[in-house]
Amino acid sequence: MSSLYVLIPLGLGLLALAIWAFFWAVGSGQFDDLDTPGWSVLIDDDPPPASKADTLPPAHPPDPESPR
């Protein structure tokens, strides 16, 4: 019976802490966008790796005096 004098206030304190944490999370915007983080895993925005042909200079630079 004496343990209830400790457990009931402890439980009420934890409940109050959980309610405060929930309202803090809502107020700070933690629940504003729930869909985008899930989709960001599926969207692959990485550029393809550059090949050697893309990084090498041209074999013959264009002649500046040639007509176009």
N, C-alpha and C. Protein backbone atom coordinates (compact mmCIF):
# COMPACT_ATOMS: atom_id res chain seq x y z
N MET A 1 0.82 -1.19 0.00
CA MET A 1 0.00 0.00 0.00
C MET A 1 0.87 1.26 0.00
N SER A 2 1.96 1.23 0.71
CA SER A 2 2.82 2.42 0.76
C SER A 2 3.52 2.66 -0.58
N SER A 3 3.66 1.59 -1.39
CA SER A 3 4.29 1.79 -2.70
C SER A 3 3.38 2.60 -3.62
N LEU A 4 2.06 2.56 -3.38
CA LEU A 4 1.15 3.36 -4.19
C LEU A 4 1.37 4.85 -3.98
N TYR A 5 1.82 5.23 -2.80
CA TYR A 5 2.09 6.64 -2.53
C TYR A 5 3.26 7.16 -3.38
N VAL A 6 4.08 6.26 -3.84
CA VAL A 6 5.21 6.64 -4.69
C VAL A 6 4.85 6.45 -6.17
N LEU A 7 4.18 5.34 -6.49
CA LEU A 7 3.92 5.00 -7.88
C LEU A 7 2.87 5.91 -8.53
N ILE A 8 1.84 6.30 -7.81
CA ILE A 8 0.80 7.14 -8.40
C ILE A 8 1.36 8.52 -8.76
N PRO A 9 2.06 9.22 -7.88
CA PRO A 9 2.64 10.51 -8.30
C PRO A 9 3.69 10.36 -9.40
N LEU A 10 4.45 9.26 -9.35
CA LEU A 10 5.43 9.02 -10.40
C LEU A 10 4.74 8.82 -11.75
N GLY A 11 3.67 8.05 -11.77
CA GLY A 11 2.91 7.83 -13.00
C GLY A 11 2.28 9.11 -13.52
N LEU A 12 1.73 9.91 -12.62
CA LEU A 12 1.15 11.19 -13.04
C LEU A 12 2.22 12.15 -13.56
N GLY A 13 3.38 12.10 -12.97
CA GLY A 13 4.49 12.93 -13.45
C GLY A 13 4.94 12.52 -14.85
N LEU A 14 5.02 11.22 -15.08
CA LEU A 14 5.39 10.73 -16.41
C LEU A 14 4.32 11.07 -17.44
N LEU A 15 3.06 10.99 -17.04
CA LEU A 15 1.96 11.36 -17.94
C LEU A 15 2.05 12.84 -18.30
N ALA A 16 2.30 13.68 -17.32
CA ALA A 16 2.43 15.11 -17.58
C ALA A 16 3.63 15.39 -18.49
N LEU A 17 4.72 14.67 -18.29
CA LEU A 17 5.90 14.83 -19.14
C LEU A 17 5.59 14.41 -20.58
N ALA A 18 4.86 13.32 -20.76
CA ALA A 18 4.51 12.86 -22.10
C ALA A 18 3.58 13.85 -22.80
N ILE A 19 2.63 14.41 -22.07
CA ILE A 19 1.72 15.40 -22.66
C ILE A 19 2.50 16.66 -23.04
N TRP A 20 3.41 17.10 -22.17
CA TRP A 20 4.24 18.27 -22.50
C TRP A 20 5.09 18.01 -23.74
N ALA A 21 5.69 16.82 -23.83
CA ALA A 21 6.54 16.48 -24.98
C ALA A 21 5.73 16.46 -26.27
N PHE A 22 4.50 15.96 -26.21
CA PHE A 22 3.64 15.93 -27.39
C PHE A 22 3.32 17.34 -27.86
N PHE A 23 2.90 18.20 -26.95
CA PHE A 23 2.56 19.56 -27.34
C PHE A 23 3.79 20.35 -27.78
N TRP A 24 4.95 20.07 -27.21
CA TRP A 24 6.18 20.70 -27.67
C TRP A 24 6.49 20.28 -29.10
N ALA A 25 6.32 18.98 -29.41
CA ALA A 25 6.62 18.48 -30.75
C ALA A 25 5.66 19.08 -31.78
N VAL A 26 4.39 19.20 -31.42
CA VAL A 26 3.43 19.80 -32.34
C VAL A 26 3.75 21.28 -32.54
N GLY A 27 4.08 21.97 -31.48
CA GLY A 27 4.38 23.39 -31.57
C GLY A 27 5.66 23.70 -32.33
N SER A 28 6.63 22.81 -32.30
CA SER A 28 7.90 23.06 -32.99
C SER A 28 7.90 22.53 -34.42
N GLY A 29 6.76 21.99 -34.88
CA GLY A 29 6.66 21.58 -36.28
C GLY A 29 7.14 20.18 -36.58
N GLN A 30 7.24 19.32 -35.61
CA GLN A 30 7.72 17.97 -35.85
C GLN A 30 6.74 17.13 -36.68
N PHE A 31 5.47 17.49 -36.66
CA PHE A 31 4.45 16.71 -37.36
C PHE A 31 3.91 17.45 -38.58
N ASP A 32 4.61 18.47 -39.07
CA ASP A 32 4.11 19.25 -40.20
C ASP A 32 4.10 18.45 -41.50
N ASP A 33 5.16 17.74 -41.81
CA ASP A 33 5.26 17.01 -43.07
C ASP A 33 5.67 15.58 -42.78
N LEU A 34 4.70 14.69 -42.82
CA LEU A 34 4.98 13.29 -42.51
C LEU A 34 5.24 12.45 -43.75
N ASP A 35 4.93 12.96 -44.96
CA ASP A 35 5.06 12.16 -46.17
C ASP A 35 6.41 12.30 -46.86
N THR A 36 6.98 13.49 -46.88
CA THR A 36 8.21 13.72 -47.63
C THR A 36 9.39 12.87 -47.17
N PRO A 37 9.65 12.69 -45.87
CA PRO A 37 10.79 11.85 -45.49
C PRO A 37 10.68 10.42 -46.01
N GLY A 38 9.47 9.90 -46.10
CA GLY A 38 9.31 8.55 -46.63
C GLY A 38 9.59 8.48 -48.12
N TRP A 39 9.18 9.51 -48.86
CA TRP A 39 9.42 9.52 -50.30
C TRP A 39 10.87 9.84 -50.63
N SER A 40 11.56 10.56 -49.77
CA SER A 40 12.94 10.93 -50.08
C SER A 40 13.85 9.71 -50.16
N VAL A 41 13.47 8.63 -49.52
CA VAL A 41 14.26 7.40 -49.60
C VAL A 41 14.13 6.80 -51.00
N LEU A 42 12.95 6.95 -51.61
CA LEU A 42 12.70 6.33 -52.91
C LEU A 42 13.21 7.17 -54.07
N ILE A 43 13.34 8.47 -53.89
CA ILE A 43 13.76 9.35 -54.96
C ILE A 43 15.29 9.36 -55.01
N ASP A 44 15.83 8.99 -56.16
CA ASP A 44 17.28 8.93 -56.31
C ASP A 44 17.74 10.16 -57.08
N ASP A 45 18.29 11.13 -56.39
CA ASP A 45 18.73 12.36 -57.02
C ASP A 45 20.23 12.41 -57.26
N ASP A 46 20.91 11.30 -57.09
CA ASP A 46 22.35 11.30 -57.29
C ASP A 46 22.65 11.41 -58.78
N PRO A 47 23.58 12.29 -59.18
CA PRO A 47 23.94 12.37 -60.60
C PRO A 47 24.73 11.13 -61.01
N PRO A 48 24.62 10.75 -62.27
CA PRO A 48 25.40 9.59 -62.71
C PRO A 48 26.89 9.90 -62.65
N PRO A 49 27.71 8.91 -62.40
CA PRO A 49 29.15 9.17 -62.33
C PRO A 49 29.68 9.60 -63.71
N ALA A 50 30.60 10.53 -63.72
CA ALA A 50 31.17 11.03 -64.96
C ALA A 50 32.12 10.00 -65.54
N SER A 51 32.03 9.82 -66.85
CA SER A 51 32.95 8.90 -67.51
C SER A 51 34.24 9.65 -67.86
N LYS A 52 35.26 8.91 -68.28
CA LYS A 52 36.53 9.54 -68.64
C LYS A 52 36.36 10.43 -69.87
N ALA A 53 35.47 10.06 -70.78
CA ALA A 53 35.26 10.85 -71.98
C ALA A 53 34.70 12.23 -71.63
N ASP A 54 33.95 12.32 -70.56
CA ASP A 54 33.38 13.61 -70.16
C ASP A 54 34.43 14.52 -69.53
N THR A 55 35.46 13.95 -68.95
CA THR A 55 36.44 14.76 -68.23
C THR A 55 37.67 15.09 -69.07
N LEU A 56 37.90 14.40 -70.17
CA LEU A 56 39.08 14.66 -71.01
C LEU A 56 38.85 15.89 -71.88
N PRO A 57 39.90 16.67 -72.14
CA PRO A 57 39.75 17.79 -73.08
C PRO A 57 39.61 17.26 -74.50
N PRO A 58 39.06 18.04 -75.42
CA PRO A 58 38.93 17.55 -76.80
C PRO A 58 40.30 17.30 -77.41
N ALA A 59 40.36 16.33 -78.32
CA ALA A 59 41.63 15.96 -78.94
C ALA A 59 42.19 17.10 -79.78
N HIS A 60 41.35 17.78 -80.54
CA HIS A 60 41.77 18.90 -81.37
C HIS A 60 40.90 20.10 -81.00
N PRO A 61 41.47 21.12 -80.39
CA PRO A 61 40.66 22.29 -80.06
C PRO A 61 40.15 22.96 -81.34
N PRO A 62 39.00 23.56 -81.30
CA PRO A 62 38.48 24.20 -82.52
C PRO A 62 39.36 25.36 -82.94
N ASP A 63 39.48 25.52 -84.24
CA ASP A 63 40.29 26.60 -84.80
C ASP A 63 39.47 27.89 -84.74
N PRO A 64 39.98 28.93 -84.05
CA PRO A 64 39.18 30.16 -83.92
C PRO A 64 39.00 30.91 -85.23
N GLU A 65 39.83 30.64 -86.25
CA GLU A 65 39.72 31.36 -87.52
C GLU A 65 38.84 30.64 -88.52
N SER A 66 38.38 29.44 -88.22
CA SER A 66 37.57 28.70 -89.18
C SER A 66 36.14 29.25 -89.20
N PRO A 67 35.53 29.31 -90.40
CA PRO A 67 34.14 29.80 -90.49
C PRO A 67 33.17 28.79 -89.89
N ARG A 68 32.13 29.29 -89.35
CA ARG A 68 31.14 28.40 -88.72
C ARG A 68 29.94 28.24 -89.58
